[in-house]
Amino acid sequence: MIAIAVTQDDVAARAGVSRAAVSFALRNSPKVSVVQRAHIRRVAAELGYRHNVNASRLASANTGTIGVVFSDLHNLLYADALDGIAGGLTDSSEQLLLASGFHDPVRERAAVESFLSHRVDGIALLGSQLPVDEIQQLAREVPTAVAGRRVDAVDWVAVDDTAGAALATEHLISLGHRRIAHIDGGGGAGAALRREQFLKTMRSHRLARQAMVVDGDYTESGGRSAAGQLLTAAHPPTAIFAANDLSALGVLAATRSLRLSVPGDISVVGFDNTSIAQLDFVGLSTIDYARQEMGERTLELLNRRIADPTQPAQTITLTPTLIARMTTGRTE
């Protein structure tokens, strides 16, 4: 059975005071005496009154809420970024509203619309797959910051995808690999830059003819499927650079099902250095960067935008490093 909500009018009637007095008392306003505040609060507790957050928000210019949209909740990269965002909240009354786009711009768009209907103070898009013009339009309507992707005229924080892809590819080449494949991230954030730099690095070593690119989507299943195509081909690669760690885990799953050894038969590099990549029994070679800082800086940019919507767009680029573990080795 649903309980009937107790209103401030009910509290006022029971306490024998005006509704305004109840409102002041519940907000701890000095406009009513300490004694009267205590009396009203006691009556409110006896009646089971609950503060109406939405009503308070409607009366305020700010709602104290920030909407955060993830492109994929399965990607631990975003869990690290969320830790950074949550850790950056300085007021215990601030709230985060979370939603996932599930790699689908339509669902991401619906999540954004829901946040707008809740009158959030700002929106953080992590790995957004929305078209650039939509993100730019959104930023004109509500303070917006983007993480993991570059969008002109919008505040963003992103890793240097080009530098990271170069590090991964150069690492494999330094181990003697020549037939190297890249499983890309499809339309995902940063995927195009990682793909382009892979090909550029291969060309710089005169290995363009031996470079292979297979479509992926930043998911484990996408990595597994792409690896299955590559590893059963007539001339399979000796190394694979996957566009992110989830895809790389899919590659490792494919090698196991094909009974190939890593790195004996195939070397694998990922991107993001997620917590799974760091596990001893996985030991994935990957590209590392400050993922929690990405969240912290995203919130920082968003708060600045909320405070001053007229300021020029700011951008932050995080520097990546290579971490070589046991999934990469020399080839004969």
Protein backbone atom coordinates (compact mmCIF):
# COMPACT_ATOMS: atom_id res chain seq x y z
CA MET A 1 0.00 0.00 0.00
CA ILE A 2 1.36 3.42 -0.98
CA ALA A 3 1.52 5.87 1.92
CA ILE A 4 -0.06 9.29 1.41
CA ALA A 5 2.64 11.98 1.39
CA VAL A 6 2.63 14.38 4.30
CA THR A 7 2.79 18.00 3.14
CA GLN A 8 4.09 21.16 4.79
CA ASP A 9 0.46 22.25 5.12
CA ASP A 10 -0.18 19.15 7.26
CA VAL A 11 2.81 19.97 9.45
CA ALA A 12 1.66 23.60 9.79
CA ALA A 13 -1.86 22.54 10.82
CA ARG A 14 -0.59 20.11 13.46
CA ALA A 15 2.06 22.52 14.79
CA GLY A 16 -0.33 25.46 14.85
CA VAL A 17 1.90 27.70 12.74
CA SER A 18 1.88 29.13 9.24
CA ARG A 19 3.12 27.18 6.22
CA ALA A 20 5.85 29.79 5.77
CA ALA A 21 7.09 29.11 9.29
CA VAL A 22 7.31 25.40 8.49
CA SER A 23 9.30 26.12 5.35
CA PHE A 24 11.72 28.37 7.25
CA ALA A 25 12.13 25.86 10.08
CA LEU A 26 12.85 22.92 7.79
CA ARG A 27 15.51 25.01 6.02
CA ASN A 28 16.95 25.96 9.44
CA SER A 29 16.31 29.62 8.69
CA PRO A 30 16.91 32.18 11.48
CA LYS A 31 13.58 33.78 10.50
CA VAL A 32 11.95 31.54 13.10
CA SER A 33 13.22 31.08 16.66
CA VAL A 34 15.28 28.10 17.78
CA VAL A 35 12.45 26.94 20.00
CA GLN A 36 9.89 27.16 17.21
CA ARG A 37 12.23 25.39 14.79
CA ALA A 38 12.62 22.52 17.24
CA HIS A 39 8.84 22.30 17.75
CA ILE A 40 8.10 22.26 13.99
CA ARG A 41 10.82 19.69 13.28
CA ARG A 42 9.46 17.43 16.04
CA VAL A 43 5.95 17.62 14.61
CA ALA A 44 7.28 16.94 11.10
CA ALA A 45 9.09 13.84 12.35
CA GLU A 46 5.98 12.58 14.16
CA LEU A 47 3.92 12.93 10.98
CA GLY A 48 6.60 11.26 8.85
CA TYR A 49 7.18 14.31 6.68
CA ARG A 50 9.76 13.88 3.91
CA HIS A 51 11.50 16.79 2.28
CA ASN A 52 10.35 17.28 -1.33
CA VAL A 53 13.63 17.57 -3.22
CA ASN A 54 12.00 18.34 -6.55
CA ALA A 55 9.98 21.19 -5.11
CA SER A 56 13.12 22.71 -3.63
CA ARG A 57 14.89 22.42 -6.96
CA LEU A 58 12.11 24.18 -8.78
CA ALA A 59 12.48 27.10 -6.40
CA SER A 60 16.23 27.28 -6.97
CA ALA A 61 18.31 28.35 -9.97
CA ASN A 62 20.46 25.23 -9.55
CA THR A 63 19.32 21.69 -8.87
CA GLY A 64 22.56 20.38 -7.39
CA THR A 65 22.58 17.49 -9.86
CA ILE A 66 24.89 16.50 -12.71
CA GLY A 67 23.95 13.97 -15.38
CA VAL A 68 26.65 11.51 -16.47
CA VAL A 69 26.16 9.43 -19.63
CA PHE A 70 28.48 6.47 -20.34
CA SER A 71 28.76 4.94 -23.78
CA ASP A 72 29.25 1.49 -22.22
CA LEU A 73 28.83 0.44 -18.58
CA HIS A 74 30.75 -2.78 -19.27
CA ASN A 75 33.94 -0.84 -19.94
CA LEU A 76 35.91 -0.48 -16.71
CA LEU A 77 37.53 2.67 -18.10
CA TYR A 78 34.32 4.50 -17.26
CA ALA A 79 34.22 3.08 -13.75
CA ASP A 80 37.62 4.67 -13.13
CA ALA A 81 36.45 7.95 -14.66
CA LEU A 82 33.32 7.87 -12.49
CA ASP A 83 35.50 7.44 -9.40
CA GLY A 84 37.24 10.65 -10.43
CA ILE A 85 33.97 12.50 -10.90
CA ALA A 86 32.48 11.26 -7.62
CA GLY A 87 35.68 12.06 -5.77
CA GLY A 88 35.59 15.61 -7.06
CA LEU A 89 32.21 16.41 -5.53
CA THR A 90 32.78 18.82 -2.65
CA ASP A 91 29.21 19.25 -1.43
CA SER A 92 27.43 16.27 0.13
CA SER A 93 24.13 17.58 -1.23
CA GLU A 94 25.33 17.28 -4.86
CA GLN A 95 23.99 14.29 -6.75
CA LEU A 96 25.00 12.36 -9.84
CA LEU A 97 22.40 10.95 -12.21
CA LEU A 98 23.87 8.07 -14.23
CA ALA A 99 22.81 6.52 -17.53
CA SER A 100 24.30 4.37 -20.28
CA GLY A 101 24.00 4.82 -24.01
CA PHE A 102 24.83 1.12 -24.63
CA HIS A 103 26.86 2.03 -27.75
CA ASP A 104 23.64 3.35 -29.27
CA PRO A 105 23.25 7.06 -30.12
CA VAL A 106 19.46 6.72 -29.93
CA ARG A 107 19.60 5.45 -26.34
CA GLU A 108 22.26 8.00 -25.45
CA ARG A 109 20.05 10.75 -26.84
CA ALA A 110 17.13 9.49 -24.73
CA ALA A 111 19.32 9.56 -21.61
CA VAL A 112 20.32 13.16 -22.32
CA GLU A 113 16.68 14.16 -22.82
CA SER A 114 15.80 12.57 -19.49
CA PHE A 115 18.53 14.56 -17.76
CA LEU A 116 17.29 17.77 -19.36
CA SER A 117 13.78 17.05 -18.11
CA HIS A 118 15.23 16.73 -14.60
CA ARG A 119 16.83 20.17 -15.00
CA VAL A 120 20.37 19.02 -14.23
CA ASP A 121 22.96 21.75 -13.78
CA GLY A 122 25.29 20.12 -16.31
CA ILE A 123 25.94 16.99 -18.35
CA ALA A 124 29.14 14.95 -18.67
CA LEU A 125 29.38 12.72 -21.75
CA LEU A 126 31.88 9.87 -21.37
CA GLY A 127 32.85 8.27 -24.68
CA SER A 128 29.83 9.82 -26.39
CA GLN A 129 28.73 8.48 -29.77
CA LEU A 130 26.39 11.36 -30.53
CA PRO A 131 27.11 13.38 -33.71
CA VAL A 132 29.37 16.39 -33.20
CA ASP A 133 26.66 18.89 -34.12
CA GLU A 134 24.29 17.41 -31.50
CA ILE A 135 26.91 17.68 -28.77
CA GLN A 136 27.63 21.27 -29.77
CA GLN A 137 23.91 22.09 -29.71
CA LEU A 138 23.55 20.43 -26.30
CA ALA A 139 26.44 22.53 -25.00
CA ARG A 140 24.57 25.66 -26.07
CA GLU A 141 21.54 24.57 -24.04
CA VAL A 142 23.18 23.28 -20.85
CA PRO A 143 26.75 23.22 -19.47
CA THR A 144 28.40 20.18 -21.07
CA ALA A 145 31.80 18.51 -20.80
CA VAL A 146 33.02 15.58 -22.88
CA ALA A 147 35.47 12.89 -21.74
CA GLY A 148 37.43 10.68 -24.14
CA ARG A 149 36.53 12.61 -27.26
CA ARG A 150 37.43 15.91 -28.91
CA VAL A 151 34.57 18.20 -29.92
CA ASP A 152 35.23 21.71 -31.23
CA ALA A 153 33.80 24.58 -29.16
CA VAL A 154 32.98 22.21 -26.26
CA ASP A 155 34.97 21.52 -23.08
CA TRP A 156 36.69 18.14 -23.29
CA VAL A 157 39.26 15.87 -21.62
CA ALA A 158 40.88 13.09 -23.66
CA VAL A 159 43.96 10.92 -23.80
CA ASP A 160 46.40 11.60 -26.62
CA ASP A 161 45.05 8.79 -28.82
CA THR A 162 47.63 9.42 -31.52
CA ALA A 163 50.57 9.11 -29.14
CA GLY A 164 49.08 6.01 -27.53
CA ALA A 165 48.55 4.23 -30.84
CA ALA A 166 52.10 5.08 -31.89
CA LEU A 167 53.47 3.61 -28.65
CA ALA A 168 51.51 0.37 -29.10
CA THR A 169 52.51 -0.08 -32.73
CA GLU A 170 56.16 0.82 -32.19
CA HIS A 171 56.30 -1.66 -29.31
CA LEU A 172 55.19 -4.52 -31.55
CA ILE A 173 57.56 -3.50 -34.33
CA SER A 174 60.45 -3.33 -31.85
CA LEU A 175 59.77 -6.97 -30.97
CA GLY A 176 60.29 -7.98 -34.60
CA HIS A 177 56.66 -8.16 -35.68
CA ARG A 178 55.89 -7.19 -39.27
CA ARG A 179 52.46 -8.67 -39.97
CA ILE A 180 50.51 -6.56 -37.49
CA ALA A 181 46.74 -6.13 -37.36
CA HIS A 182 44.65 -3.45 -35.72
CA ILE A 183 41.13 -4.12 -34.47
CA ASP A 184 39.57 -0.68 -34.47
CA GLY A 185 36.87 0.83 -32.28
CA GLY A 186 34.35 1.56 -35.02
CA GLY A 187 32.58 4.84 -34.29
CA GLY A 188 33.76 4.91 -30.68
CA ALA A 189 35.53 7.86 -29.07
CA GLY A 190 39.14 8.15 -30.24
CA ALA A 191 38.88 5.14 -32.53
CA ALA A 192 39.59 7.02 -35.77
CA LEU A 193 42.73 8.64 -34.34
CA ARG A 194 44.06 5.29 -33.10
CA ARG A 195 43.40 3.63 -36.46
CA GLU A 196 45.00 6.44 -38.46
CA GLN A 197 48.12 6.49 -36.29
CA PHE A 198 48.52 2.71 -36.52
CA LEU A 199 48.55 2.94 -40.31
CA LYS A 200 50.84 5.97 -40.26
CA THR A 201 53.35 4.22 -37.99
CA MET A 202 53.31 1.11 -40.17
CA ARG A 203 53.94 3.25 -43.25
CA SER A 204 56.84 5.00 -41.55
CA HIS A 205 58.50 1.59 -41.14
CA ARG A 206 57.66 0.61 -44.73
CA LEU A 207 55.21 -2.00 -43.48
CA ALA A 208 52.05 -0.60 -45.07
CA ARG A 209 51.48 -3.76 -47.15
CA GLN A 210 51.62 -5.91 -44.04
CA ALA A 211 49.27 -3.74 -42.01
CA MET A 212 45.76 -5.06 -41.50
CA VAL A 213 42.72 -3.27 -40.11
CA VAL A 214 39.57 -5.11 -39.07
CA ASP A 215 36.34 -3.48 -37.93
CA GLY A 216 35.59 -3.60 -34.21
CA ASP A 217 33.35 -1.79 -31.74
CA TYR A 218 35.26 -1.47 -28.46
CA THR A 219 33.53 -4.58 -27.08
CA GLU A 220 34.82 -7.98 -26.00
CA SER A 221 32.54 -9.76 -28.48
CA GLY A 222 33.70 -7.47 -31.27
CA GLY A 223 37.33 -8.21 -30.46
CA ARG A 224 36.68 -11.94 -30.35
CA SER A 225 34.91 -11.91 -33.72
CA ALA A 226 37.58 -9.79 -35.41
CA ALA A 227 40.38 -11.94 -33.98
CA GLY A 228 38.62 -15.05 -35.27
CA GLN A 229 38.76 -13.63 -38.80
CA LEU A 230 42.40 -12.63 -38.51
CA LEU A 231 43.75 -15.76 -36.86
CA THR A 232 42.06 -18.20 -39.25
CA ALA A 233 43.19 -16.34 -42.39
CA ALA A 234 45.71 -17.86 -44.81
CA HIS A 235 48.40 -15.45 -43.61
CA PRO A 236 47.50 -14.48 -40.05
CA PRO A 237 49.25 -11.64 -38.24
CA THR A 238 51.86 -12.31 -35.58
CA ALA A 239 50.62 -9.41 -33.48
CA ILE A 240 47.36 -7.56 -32.85
CA PHE A 241 46.88 -4.04 -31.51
CA ALA A 242 43.31 -3.85 -30.21
CA ALA A 243 41.76 -0.38 -29.91
CA ASN A 244 40.88 -0.93 -26.25
CA ASP A 245 41.31 -3.48 -23.48
CA LEU A 246 37.83 -4.97 -23.90
CA SER A 247 38.61 -5.78 -27.52
CA ALA A 248 41.98 -7.18 -26.48
CA LEU A 249 40.26 -9.49 -23.98
CA GLY A 250 38.13 -10.73 -26.86
CA VAL A 251 41.33 -11.44 -28.80
CA LEU A 252 42.70 -13.45 -25.87
CA ALA A 253 39.46 -15.43 -25.73
CA ALA A 254 39.74 -16.19 -29.46
CA THR A 255 43.35 -17.37 -29.11
CA ARG A 256 42.33 -19.72 -26.35
CA SER A 257 39.51 -21.25 -28.38
CA LEU A 258 41.93 -21.70 -31.30
CA ARG A 259 44.56 -23.16 -28.95
CA LEU A 260 47.13 -20.53 -29.83
CA SER A 261 49.71 -19.39 -27.32
CA VAL A 262 50.18 -15.79 -26.27
CA PRO A 263 52.72 -14.40 -26.91
CA GLY A 264 54.26 -17.48 -28.56
CA ASP A 265 51.91 -17.55 -31.56
CA ILE A 266 50.43 -14.08 -31.32
CA SER A 267 51.25 -10.92 -29.36
CA VAL A 268 48.41 -8.70 -28.14
CA VAL A 269 48.33 -5.05 -27.04
CA GLY A 270 45.29 -3.20 -25.69
CA PHE A 271 44.53 0.41 -24.75
CA ASP A 272 43.28 1.86 -21.40
CA ASN A 273 45.05 -0.29 -18.75
CA THR A 274 41.78 -1.22 -17.05
CA SER A 275 41.81 -3.21 -13.81
CA ILE A 276 41.29 -6.51 -15.65
CA ALA A 277 44.35 -5.86 -17.82
CA GLN A 278 46.38 -5.48 -14.62
CA LEU A 279 45.41 -8.88 -13.17
CA ASP A 280 48.35 -11.29 -12.93
CA PHE A 281 46.63 -14.07 -14.85
CA VAL A 282 45.76 -11.66 -17.70
CA GLY A 283 48.92 -9.55 -17.81
CA LEU A 284 47.80 -7.54 -20.82
CA SER A 285 50.31 -5.22 -22.47
CA THR A 286 48.44 -1.96 -22.91
CA ILE A 287 48.45 1.83 -23.07
CA ASP A 288 48.07 3.50 -19.71
CA TYR A 289 46.89 6.99 -18.76
CA ALA A 290 45.28 8.72 -15.80
CA ARG A 291 41.72 7.44 -16.14
CA GLN A 292 40.56 8.69 -12.73
CA GLU A 293 42.09 12.06 -13.48
CA MET A 294 40.02 12.11 -16.67
CA GLY A 295 36.91 12.06 -14.49
CA GLU A 296 38.27 14.63 -12.07
CA ARG A 297 39.19 17.06 -14.83
CA THR A 298 35.87 16.52 -16.61
CA LEU A 299 34.01 17.57 -13.46
CA GLU A 300 36.40 20.49 -13.05
CA LEU A 301 35.62 21.74 -16.56
CA LEU A 302 31.92 21.21 -16.04
CA ASN A 303 31.85 23.16 -12.78
CA ARG A 304 33.71 26.02 -14.45
CA ARG A 305 31.17 26.02 -17.26
CA ILE A 306 28.26 26.02 -14.80
CA ALA A 307 29.81 28.95 -12.95
CA ASP A 308 30.51 30.90 -16.14
CA PRO A 309 28.68 29.71 -19.27
CA THR A 310 30.30 32.45 -21.39
CA GLN A 311 33.94 31.39 -21.00
CA PRO A 312 35.85 29.96 -24.00
CA ALA A 313 35.90 26.18 -24.34
CA GLN A 314 38.80 24.51 -22.53
CA THR A 315 40.56 21.29 -23.50
CA ILE A 316 42.81 18.90 -21.56
CA THR A 317 44.97 16.19 -23.13
CA LEU A 318 46.31 13.34 -20.98
CA THR A 319 49.69 11.81 -21.83
CA PRO A 320 49.77 8.01 -22.33
CA THR A 321 52.52 5.52 -21.55
CA LEU A 322 53.13 1.92 -22.62
CA ILE A 323 52.99 -0.89 -20.08
CA ALA A 324 54.51 -4.10 -21.46
CA ARG A 325 53.31 -7.25 -19.74
CA MET A 326 53.18 -10.91 -20.69
CA THR A 327 50.92 -10.76 -23.78
CA THR A 328 53.68 -9.36 -26.00
CA GLY A 329 56.97 -10.99 -26.91
CA ARG A 330 59.53 -11.33 -29.66
CA THR A 331 58.69 -13.13 -32.86
CA GLU A 332 61.07 -15.41 -34.74
